[in-house]
Amino acid sequence: MTKVVIGSMLLGSLLLADTWTCYRYVDGSPTGGFLKVQASTKQEAEQKSLEKYKKLGYKVDYTKCK
């Protein structure tokens, strides 16, 4: 029963998330290319994309998401 409730909660939170397109910036300039992430807010999307760029080994100072 607990697994069903937790699964339903996770599915519900995914359905509420939006798809954000995020661009990376280095030294104040956009570098080209983008990532798409699922997040509920712009702040969450920028944090997720920053972590994803770093994990992929890209140099990044910050990201901006639309």
Protein backbone atom coordinates (compact mmCIF):
# COMPACT_ATOMS: atom_id res chain seq x y z
CA MET A 1 0.00 0.00 0.00
CA THR A 2 2.79 2.42 0.90
CA LYS A 3 4.52 1.81 -2.45
CA VAL A 4 1.31 2.64 -4.31
CA VAL A 5 0.88 5.92 -2.42
CA ILE A 6 4.51 6.96 -2.96
CA GLY A 7 4.31 6.01 -6.64
CA SER A 8 1.16 8.07 -7.05
CA MET A 9 2.80 11.06 -5.37
CA LEU A 10 5.85 10.84 -7.66
CA LEU A 11 3.71 10.52 -10.76
CA GLY A 12 1.63 13.49 -9.64
CA SER A 13 4.70 15.67 -9.16
CA LEU A 14 6.01 14.74 -12.62
CA LEU A 15 2.71 15.70 -14.18
CA LEU A 16 2.92 19.15 -12.55
CA ALA A 17 6.46 19.78 -13.83
CA ASP A 18 7.03 21.86 -16.97
CA THR A 19 9.68 21.38 -19.63
CA TRP A 20 12.26 24.16 -19.56
CA THR A 21 14.85 24.96 -22.24
CA CYS A 22 18.10 26.06 -20.57
CA TYR A 23 21.15 27.76 -22.06
CA ARG A 24 24.63 27.84 -20.51
CA TYR A 25 26.72 30.97 -20.05
CA VAL A 26 30.49 31.32 -19.62
CA ASP A 27 32.09 34.70 -18.81
CA GLY A 28 28.70 36.38 -19.28
CA SER A 29 28.18 35.14 -22.84
CA PRO A 30 25.93 32.35 -24.15
CA THR A 31 27.91 29.41 -25.51
CA GLY A 32 25.36 27.92 -27.88
CA GLY A 33 23.34 24.77 -27.47
CA PHE A 34 20.74 24.01 -24.83
CA LEU A 35 19.34 21.38 -22.49
CA LYS A 36 15.75 20.53 -21.69
CA VAL A 37 14.85 19.73 -18.09
CA GLN A 38 11.66 18.95 -16.19
CA ALA A 39 11.00 21.29 -13.26
CA SER A 40 8.17 23.06 -11.48
CA THR A 41 9.88 26.47 -11.27
CA LYS A 42 12.43 28.48 -13.22
CA GLN A 43 14.83 28.40 -10.27
CA GLU A 44 14.60 24.60 -10.05
CA ALA A 45 15.17 24.30 -13.82
CA GLU A 46 18.27 26.49 -13.68
CA GLN A 47 19.69 24.45 -10.79
CA LYS A 48 19.00 21.14 -12.54
CA SER A 49 20.51 22.34 -15.83
CA LEU A 50 23.60 23.69 -14.06
CA GLU A 51 24.16 20.32 -12.38
CA LYS A 52 23.55 18.48 -15.67
CA TYR A 53 26.04 20.64 -17.61
CA LYS A 54 28.68 20.11 -14.92
CA LYS A 55 28.02 16.35 -14.90
CA LEU A 56 28.50 16.29 -18.69
CA GLY A 57 31.86 18.05 -18.24
CA TYR A 58 30.97 21.40 -19.81
CA LYS A 59 32.40 24.66 -18.50
CA VAL A 60 29.49 26.73 -17.18
CA ASP A 61 29.17 29.77 -14.91
CA TYR A 62 25.36 29.90 -14.86
CA THR A 63 22.30 28.96 -16.89
CA LYS A 64 19.17 30.76 -18.01
CA CYS A 65 15.95 28.89 -18.67
CA LYS A 66 12.82 29.73 -20.65
